[in-house]
Amino acid sequence: MAYVIPSKTPVDNMPDVAVGVSLPFNGTAVFNQTYITRDQIRTNLINFFLTNKGERYMNPNFGGGLRKTLFEAISSNTLDNIETIIKDQLSKYFPTINVDSLNVTSSPNSNLVNIYIAYSVLNQPLDEIELNFTPDGI
């Protein structure tokens, strides 16, 4: 018999139970806790894209692998390659996420690559992430 998966994660019903930690690590005790699954998924995505392949101990294939492509000459092929990498990695490591919109743009004169992702998770409302890669950092 089939089992129906509820549309809301049970830990979201307990407001005093943390789901995880958020980025950046600048809380009063170093870590800010997240209490909603939606916030934790957002943090997990940001952490994933900021991780290079080979950085995660015991899981060398984990990571968005975006930084290696950012040091190539910025062209339409590079931007298409970044978009393909993002879609492939999301489908592999985050299968419950549906990408509604993905836009990769650049400003070559200022060495800026902007990645905008609008996504939804199962029956949750639309959420979005914007990552800006510059020579000074992210």
N, C-alpha and C. Protein backbone atom coordinates (compact mmCIF):
# COMPACT_ATOMS: atom_id res chain seq x y z
N MET A 1 0.84 -1.17 0.00
CA MET A 1 0.00 0.00 0.00
C MET A 1 0.89 1.23 0.00
N ALA A 2 0.50 2.25 -0.74
CA ALA A 2 1.28 3.48 -0.86
C ALA A 2 1.20 4.31 0.41
N TYR A 3 2.29 5.00 0.70
CA TYR A 3 2.36 5.86 1.86
C TYR A 3 2.36 7.31 1.38
N VAL A 4 1.47 8.12 1.89
CA VAL A 4 1.37 9.52 1.49
C VAL A 4 2.32 10.34 2.33
N ILE A 5 3.23 11.05 1.65
CA ILE A 5 4.19 11.89 2.35
C ILE A 5 3.52 13.23 2.65
N PRO A 6 3.51 13.66 3.90
CA PRO A 6 2.88 14.93 4.23
C PRO A 6 3.62 16.09 3.58
N SER A 7 2.88 17.18 3.30
CA SER A 7 3.48 18.31 2.61
C SER A 7 4.27 19.21 3.54
N LYS A 8 4.19 19.00 4.84
CA LYS A 8 4.92 19.81 5.79
C LYS A 8 5.78 18.91 6.65
N THR A 9 7.04 19.27 6.80
CA THR A 9 7.95 18.47 7.58
C THR A 9 7.55 18.55 9.05
N PRO A 10 7.51 17.42 9.76
CA PRO A 10 7.05 17.42 11.14
C PRO A 10 7.84 18.33 12.08
N VAL A 11 9.14 18.53 11.86
CA VAL A 11 9.90 19.37 12.78
C VAL A 11 9.47 20.83 12.70
N ASP A 12 8.83 21.22 11.60
CA ASP A 12 8.34 22.59 11.50
C ASP A 12 7.20 22.86 12.48
N ASN A 13 6.58 21.81 12.98
CA ASN A 13 5.48 21.96 13.94
C ASN A 13 5.97 22.22 15.36
N MET A 14 7.26 22.06 15.59
CA MET A 14 7.83 22.27 16.91
C MET A 14 8.72 23.52 16.87
N PRO A 15 8.18 24.68 17.25
CA PRO A 15 8.91 25.93 17.06
C PRO A 15 10.18 26.06 17.89
N ASP A 16 10.35 25.27 18.92
CA ASP A 16 11.54 25.38 19.76
C ASP A 16 12.63 24.37 19.40
N VAL A 17 12.44 23.60 18.32
CA VAL A 17 13.41 22.61 17.88
C VAL A 17 14.08 23.12 16.60
N ALA A 18 15.40 23.32 16.65
CA ALA A 18 16.13 23.82 15.50
C ALA A 18 16.31 22.72 14.46
N VAL A 19 16.24 23.12 13.19
CA VAL A 19 16.43 22.19 12.08
C VAL A 19 17.91 22.12 11.70
N GLY A 20 18.60 23.25 11.79
CA GLY A 20 20.02 23.30 11.43
C GLY A 20 20.60 24.66 11.75
N VAL A 21 21.69 24.99 11.06
CA VAL A 21 22.35 26.28 11.24
C VAL A 21 22.31 27.06 9.94
N SER A 22 22.36 28.39 10.04
CA SER A 22 22.29 29.23 8.85
C SER A 22 23.63 29.87 8.56
N LEU A 23 23.76 30.35 7.36
CA LEU A 23 24.94 31.09 6.92
C LEU A 23 24.61 32.57 6.89
N PRO A 24 25.53 33.45 7.13
CA PRO A 24 26.90 33.25 7.55
C PRO A 24 26.98 32.95 9.04
N PHE A 25 28.14 32.45 9.46
CA PHE A 25 28.35 32.13 10.86
C PHE A 25 28.72 33.40 11.62
N ASN A 26 27.73 34.16 12.00
CA ASN A 26 28.01 35.41 12.71
C ASN A 26 27.04 35.63 13.87
N GLY A 27 26.53 34.57 14.44
CA GLY A 27 25.59 34.69 15.55
C GLY A 27 26.29 35.01 16.85
N THR A 28 25.51 35.17 17.90
CA THR A 28 26.08 35.48 19.20
C THR A 28 26.95 34.34 19.73
N ALA A 29 26.59 33.12 19.39
CA ALA A 29 27.40 31.96 19.78
C ALA A 29 27.98 31.30 18.53
N VAL A 30 28.34 32.09 17.55
CA VAL A 30 28.90 31.70 16.26
C VAL A 30 27.83 31.21 15.30
N PHE A 31 26.93 30.35 15.72
CA PHE A 31 25.93 29.78 14.84
C PHE A 31 24.55 30.39 15.09
N ASN A 32 23.86 30.74 14.02
CA ASN A 32 22.45 31.08 14.09
C ASN A 32 21.67 29.84 13.69
N GLN A 33 20.69 29.48 14.48
CA GLN A 33 19.91 28.28 14.19
C GLN A 33 18.74 28.62 13.27
N THR A 34 18.34 27.62 12.47
CA THR A 34 17.14 27.75 11.65
C THR A 34 16.07 26.84 12.23
N TYR A 35 14.85 27.31 12.21
CA TYR A 35 13.74 26.56 12.80
C TYR A 35 12.72 26.12 11.76
N ILE A 36 12.91 26.52 10.51
CA ILE A 36 11.99 26.19 9.44
C ILE A 36 12.77 25.45 8.35
N THR A 37 12.21 24.38 7.84
CA THR A 37 12.88 23.57 6.83
C THR A 37 13.21 24.40 5.59
N ARG A 38 12.33 25.29 5.22
CA ARG A 38 12.55 26.14 4.04
C ARG A 38 13.84 26.96 4.19
N ASP A 39 14.08 27.52 5.38
CA ASP A 39 15.30 28.28 5.63
C ASP A 39 16.53 27.39 5.57
N GLN A 40 16.41 26.17 6.07
CA GLN A 40 17.55 25.26 6.07
C GLN A 40 17.88 24.80 4.66
N ILE A 41 16.87 24.58 3.83
CA ILE A 41 17.13 24.19 2.43
C ILE A 41 17.86 25.31 1.71
N ARG A 42 17.47 26.54 1.96
CA ARG A 42 18.14 27.70 1.36
C ARG A 42 19.61 27.73 1.78
N THR A 43 19.88 27.53 3.07
CA THR A 43 21.25 27.51 3.57
C THR A 43 22.03 26.35 2.98
N ASN A 44 21.41 25.19 2.85
CA ASN A 44 22.07 24.03 2.27
C ASN A 44 22.46 24.29 0.81
N LEU A 45 21.60 24.96 0.06
CA LEU A 45 21.91 25.28 -1.34
C LEU A 45 23.09 26.25 -1.43
N ILE A 46 23.07 27.28 -0.61
CA ILE A 46 24.17 28.25 -0.63
C ILE A 46 25.48 27.54 -0.25
N ASN A 47 25.44 26.73 0.78
CA ASN A 47 26.63 25.99 1.20
C ASN A 47 27.11 25.06 0.09
N PHE A 48 26.20 24.42 -0.60
CA PHE A 48 26.56 23.51 -1.68
C PHE A 48 27.29 24.25 -2.80
N PHE A 49 26.77 25.40 -3.21
CA PHE A 49 27.38 26.13 -4.31
C PHE A 49 28.70 26.80 -3.91
N LEU A 50 28.91 27.06 -2.64
CA LEU A 50 30.17 27.64 -2.18
C LEU A 50 31.23 26.59 -1.92
N THR A 51 30.87 25.31 -1.96
CA THR A 51 31.81 24.22 -1.72
C THR A 51 32.38 23.74 -3.05
N ASN A 52 33.69 23.63 -3.12
CA ASN A 52 34.34 23.08 -4.30
C ASN A 52 34.39 21.56 -4.18
N LYS A 53 34.41 20.91 -5.32
CA LYS A 53 34.56 19.45 -5.31
C LYS A 53 35.91 19.12 -4.67
N GLY A 54 35.90 18.12 -3.80
CA GLY A 54 37.12 17.71 -3.11
C GLY A 54 37.29 18.35 -1.74
N GLU A 55 36.50 19.35 -1.41
CA GLU A 55 36.61 20.00 -0.10
C GLU A 55 35.91 19.24 1.02
N ARG A 56 34.91 18.47 0.68
CA ARG A 56 34.13 17.77 1.70
C ARG A 56 34.78 16.44 2.03
N TYR A 57 35.11 16.26 3.28
CA TYR A 57 35.77 15.05 3.73
C TYR A 57 34.87 13.84 3.52
N MET A 58 35.42 12.78 2.98
CA MET A 58 34.73 11.51 2.72
C MET A 58 33.65 11.62 1.64
N ASN A 59 33.53 12.76 0.99
CA ASN A 59 32.56 12.91 -0.10
C ASN A 59 33.17 13.85 -1.14
N PRO A 60 34.17 13.39 -1.90
CA PRO A 60 34.92 14.27 -2.80
C PRO A 60 34.12 14.80 -3.98
N ASN A 61 32.99 14.20 -4.31
CA ASN A 61 32.19 14.69 -5.44
C ASN A 61 31.17 15.74 -5.03
N PHE A 62 31.03 15.98 -3.73
CA PHE A 62 30.05 16.95 -3.24
C PHE A 62 30.56 18.37 -3.52
N GLY A 63 29.67 19.21 -3.97
CA GLY A 63 30.00 20.61 -4.19
C GLY A 63 29.53 21.08 -5.55
N GLY A 64 29.23 22.35 -5.63
CA GLY A 64 28.74 22.93 -6.88
C GLY A 64 29.79 22.99 -7.96
N GLY A 65 31.06 23.14 -7.58
CA GLY A 65 32.13 23.19 -8.57
C GLY A 65 32.08 24.41 -9.45
N LEU A 66 31.53 25.52 -8.96
CA LEU A 66 31.38 26.71 -9.79
C LEU A 66 32.64 27.55 -9.87
N ARG A 67 33.45 27.55 -8.85
CA ARG A 67 34.61 28.45 -8.82
C ARG A 67 35.61 28.15 -9.93
N LYS A 68 35.76 26.88 -10.32
CA LYS A 68 36.72 26.57 -11.38
C LYS A 68 36.28 27.16 -12.72
N THR A 69 34.98 27.25 -12.96
CA THR A 69 34.51 27.83 -14.21
C THR A 69 34.53 29.36 -14.17
N LEU A 70 34.54 29.94 -12.98
CA LEU A 70 34.53 31.39 -12.87
C LEU A 70 35.87 32.01 -13.23
N PHE A 71 36.94 31.22 -13.24
CA PHE A 71 38.24 31.76 -13.59
C PHE A 71 38.55 31.60 -15.07
N GLU A 72 37.58 31.12 -15.83
CA GLU A 72 37.72 31.09 -17.27
C GLU A 72 37.28 32.44 -17.82
N ALA A 73 37.61 32.67 -19.10
CA ALA A 73 37.15 33.91 -19.73
C ALA A 73 35.63 33.90 -19.79
N ILE A 74 35.02 35.01 -19.40
CA ILE A 74 33.56 35.09 -19.37
C ILE A 74 33.05 35.25 -20.79
N SER A 75 32.25 34.28 -21.22
CA SER A 75 31.62 34.31 -22.54
C SER A 75 30.25 33.66 -22.41
N SER A 76 29.51 33.66 -23.49
CA SER A 76 28.19 33.03 -23.45
C SER A 76 28.33 31.52 -23.23
N ASN A 77 29.41 30.91 -23.75
CA ASN A 77 29.65 29.48 -23.52
C ASN A 77 29.91 29.20 -22.05
N THR A 78 30.68 30.08 -21.40
CA THR A 78 30.97 29.90 -19.97
C THR A 78 29.69 30.00 -19.15
N LEU A 79 28.84 30.98 -19.48
CA LEU A 79 27.58 31.15 -18.74
C LEU A 79 26.65 29.97 -18.97
N ASP A 80 26.61 29.46 -20.20
CA ASP A 80 25.80 28.26 -20.48
C ASP A 80 26.34 27.05 -19.73
N ASN A 81 27.67 26.95 -19.64
CA ASN A 81 28.30 25.84 -18.91
C ASN A 81 27.95 25.92 -17.42
N ILE A 82 27.98 27.12 -16.84
CA ILE A 82 27.61 27.29 -15.43
C ILE A 82 26.16 26.89 -15.21
N GLU A 83 25.29 27.28 -16.12
CA GLU A 83 23.87 26.93 -16.01
C GLU A 83 23.67 25.41 -16.07
N THR A 84 24.38 24.76 -16.97
CA THR A 84 24.30 23.30 -17.08
C THR A 84 24.81 22.62 -15.82
N ILE A 85 25.93 23.11 -15.28
CA ILE A 85 26.48 22.54 -14.05
C ILE A 85 25.48 22.65 -12.91
N ILE A 86 24.85 23.82 -12.78
CA ILE A 86 23.88 24.04 -11.70
C ILE A 86 22.71 23.08 -11.83
N LYS A 87 22.15 22.96 -13.03
CA LYS A 87 21.00 22.08 -13.23
C LYS A 87 21.37 20.62 -12.94
N ASP A 88 22.53 20.18 -13.42
CA ASP A 88 22.95 18.79 -13.20
C ASP A 88 23.18 18.51 -11.72
N GLN A 89 23.86 19.43 -11.03
CA GLN A 89 24.16 19.22 -9.62
C GLN A 89 22.89 19.25 -8.77
N LEU A 90 21.96 20.14 -9.08
CA LEU A 90 20.71 20.20 -8.32
C LEU A 90 19.90 18.92 -8.50
N SER A 91 19.84 18.41 -9.72
CA SER A 91 19.07 17.18 -9.94
C SER A 91 19.73 15.98 -9.26
N LYS A 92 21.04 16.00 -9.10
CA LYS A 92 21.75 14.89 -8.48
C LYS A 92 21.68 14.95 -6.95
N TYR A 93 21.93 16.12 -6.36
CA TYR A 93 22.04 16.23 -4.91
C TYR A 93 20.78 16.77 -4.22
N PHE A 94 19.91 17.42 -4.96
CA PHE A 94 18.67 17.97 -4.40
C PHE A 94 17.49 17.59 -5.30
N PRO A 95 17.14 16.31 -5.36
CA PRO A 95 16.09 15.88 -6.30
C PRO A 95 14.70 16.41 -5.97
N THR A 96 14.46 16.87 -4.76
CA THR A 96 13.13 17.38 -4.41
C THR A 96 12.95 18.85 -4.79
N ILE A 97 13.99 19.47 -5.30
CA ILE A 97 13.91 20.89 -5.68
C ILE A 97 13.55 21.01 -7.15
N ASN A 98 12.53 21.82 -7.43
CA ASN A 98 12.13 22.13 -8.80
C ASN A 98 12.61 23.53 -9.12
N VAL A 99 13.48 23.66 -10.12
CA VAL A 99 13.99 24.97 -10.52
C VAL A 99 12.96 25.62 -11.43
N ASP A 100 12.41 26.74 -10.97
CA ASP A 100 11.43 27.47 -11.76
C ASP A 100 12.08 28.48 -12.69
N SER A 101 13.19 29.05 -12.25
CA SER A 101 13.90 30.04 -13.05
C SER A 101 15.38 30.01 -12.69
N LEU A 102 16.22 30.02 -13.71
CA LEU A 102 17.66 30.05 -13.50
C LEU A 102 18.24 31.06 -14.48
N ASN A 103 18.93 32.06 -13.96
CA ASN A 103 19.48 33.11 -14.81
C ASN A 103 20.92 33.37 -14.39
N VAL A 104 21.85 33.19 -15.34
CA VAL A 104 23.25 33.44 -15.09
C VAL A 104 23.67 34.61 -15.98
N THR A 105 24.08 35.71 -15.34
CA THR A 105 24.49 36.90 -16.09
C THR A 105 25.88 37.30 -15.64
N SER A 106 26.50 38.17 -16.42
CA SER A 106 27.84 38.62 -16.07
C SER A 106 28.04 40.07 -16.44
N SER A 107 29.01 40.67 -15.77
CA SER A 107 29.51 42.00 -16.10
C SER A 107 31.02 41.86 -16.24
N PRO A 108 31.50 41.58 -17.45
CA PRO A 108 32.93 41.31 -17.64
C PRO A 108 33.83 42.47 -17.21
N ASN A 109 33.37 43.71 -17.36
CA ASN A 109 34.20 44.85 -17.00
C ASN A 109 34.46 44.92 -15.50
N SER A 110 33.52 44.44 -14.69
CA SER A 110 33.70 44.46 -13.24
C SER A 110 33.98 43.06 -12.68
N ASN A 111 34.21 42.07 -13.55
CA ASN A 111 34.50 40.69 -13.14
C ASN A 111 33.42 40.15 -12.20
N LEU A 112 32.18 40.28 -12.60
CA LEU A 112 31.05 39.86 -11.78
C LEU A 112 30.24 38.80 -12.52
N VAL A 113 29.92 37.72 -11.82
CA VAL A 113 28.98 36.72 -12.33
C VAL A 113 27.85 36.62 -11.33
N ASN A 114 26.63 36.81 -11.80
CA ASN A 114 25.45 36.80 -10.95
C ASN A 114 24.62 35.57 -11.30
N ILE A 115 24.29 34.79 -10.29
CA ILE A 115 23.48 33.58 -10.48
C ILE A 115 22.19 33.76 -9.69
N TYR A 116 21.06 33.71 -10.38
CA TYR A 116 19.75 33.85 -9.75
C TYR A 116 18.98 32.55 -9.96
N ILE A 117 18.53 31.95 -8.85
CA ILE A 117 17.77 30.70 -8.91
C ILE A 117 16.46 30.90 -8.16
N ALA A 118 15.35 30.68 -8.84
CA ALA A 118 14.04 30.64 -8.20
C ALA A 118 13.63 29.17 -8.19
N TYR A 119 13.27 28.67 -7.02
CA TYR A 119 13.00 27.24 -6.88
C TYR A 119 11.85 27.02 -5.92
N SER A 120 11.30 25.82 -5.99
CA SER A 120 10.28 25.40 -5.03
C SER A 120 10.61 23.98 -4.60
N VAL A 121 10.17 23.64 -3.40
CA VAL A 121 10.41 22.32 -2.85
C VAL A 121 9.07 21.66 -2.59
N LEU A 122 8.80 20.57 -3.30
CA LEU A 122 7.55 19.83 -3.19
C LEU A 122 6.36 20.78 -3.13
N ASN A 123 5.63 20.82 -2.04
CA ASN A 123 4.43 21.65 -1.96
C ASN A 123 4.68 22.98 -1.24
N GLN A 124 5.93 23.39 -1.14
CA GLN A 124 6.27 24.64 -0.47
C GLN A 124 6.22 25.80 -1.47
N PRO A 125 6.08 27.03 -0.97
CA PRO A 125 6.04 28.18 -1.87
C PRO A 125 7.40 28.45 -2.52
N LEU A 126 7.40 29.26 -3.54
CA LEU A 126 8.58 29.62 -4.30
C LEU A 126 9.58 30.36 -3.41
N ASP A 127 10.86 30.06 -3.57
CA ASP A 127 11.93 30.74 -2.85
C ASP A 127 13.00 31.06 -3.88
N GLU A 128 13.94 31.93 -3.53
CA GLU A 128 14.97 32.31 -4.48
C GLU A 128 16.30 32.56 -3.79
N ILE A 129 17.37 32.38 -4.57
CA ILE A 129 18.74 32.61 -4.12
C ILE A 129 19.43 33.45 -5.18
N GLU A 130 20.24 34.39 -4.74
CA GLU A 130 21.06 35.16 -5.67
C GLU A 130 22.49 35.12 -5.15
N LEU A 131 23.40 34.61 -5.99
CA LEU A 131 24.82 34.54 -5.65
C LEU A 131 25.59 35.48 -6.57
N ASN A 132 26.43 36.31 -6.01
CA ASN A 132 27.27 37.22 -6.78
C ASN A 132 28.72 36.84 -6.57
N PHE A 133 29.40 36.40 -7.62
CA PHE A 133 30.80 36.05 -7.54
C PHE A 133 31.60 37.22 -8.08
N THR A 134 32.44 37.80 -7.23
CA THR A 134 33.29 38.93 -7.61
C THR A 134 34.74 38.60 -7.24
N PRO A 135 35.70 39.40 -7.73
CA PRO A 135 37.09 39.15 -7.34
C PRO A 135 37.32 39.30 -5.83
N ASP A 136 36.46 40.07 -5.15
CA ASP A 136 36.61 40.28 -3.72
C ASP A 136 36.00 39.16 -2.89
N GLY A 137 35.23 38.28 -3.48
CA GLY A 137 34.59 37.20 -2.76
C GLY A 137 33.16 37.04 -3.22
N ILE A 138 32.36 36.34 -2.39
CA ILE A 138 30.98 36.05 -2.76
C ILE A 138 30.05 36.87 -1.92
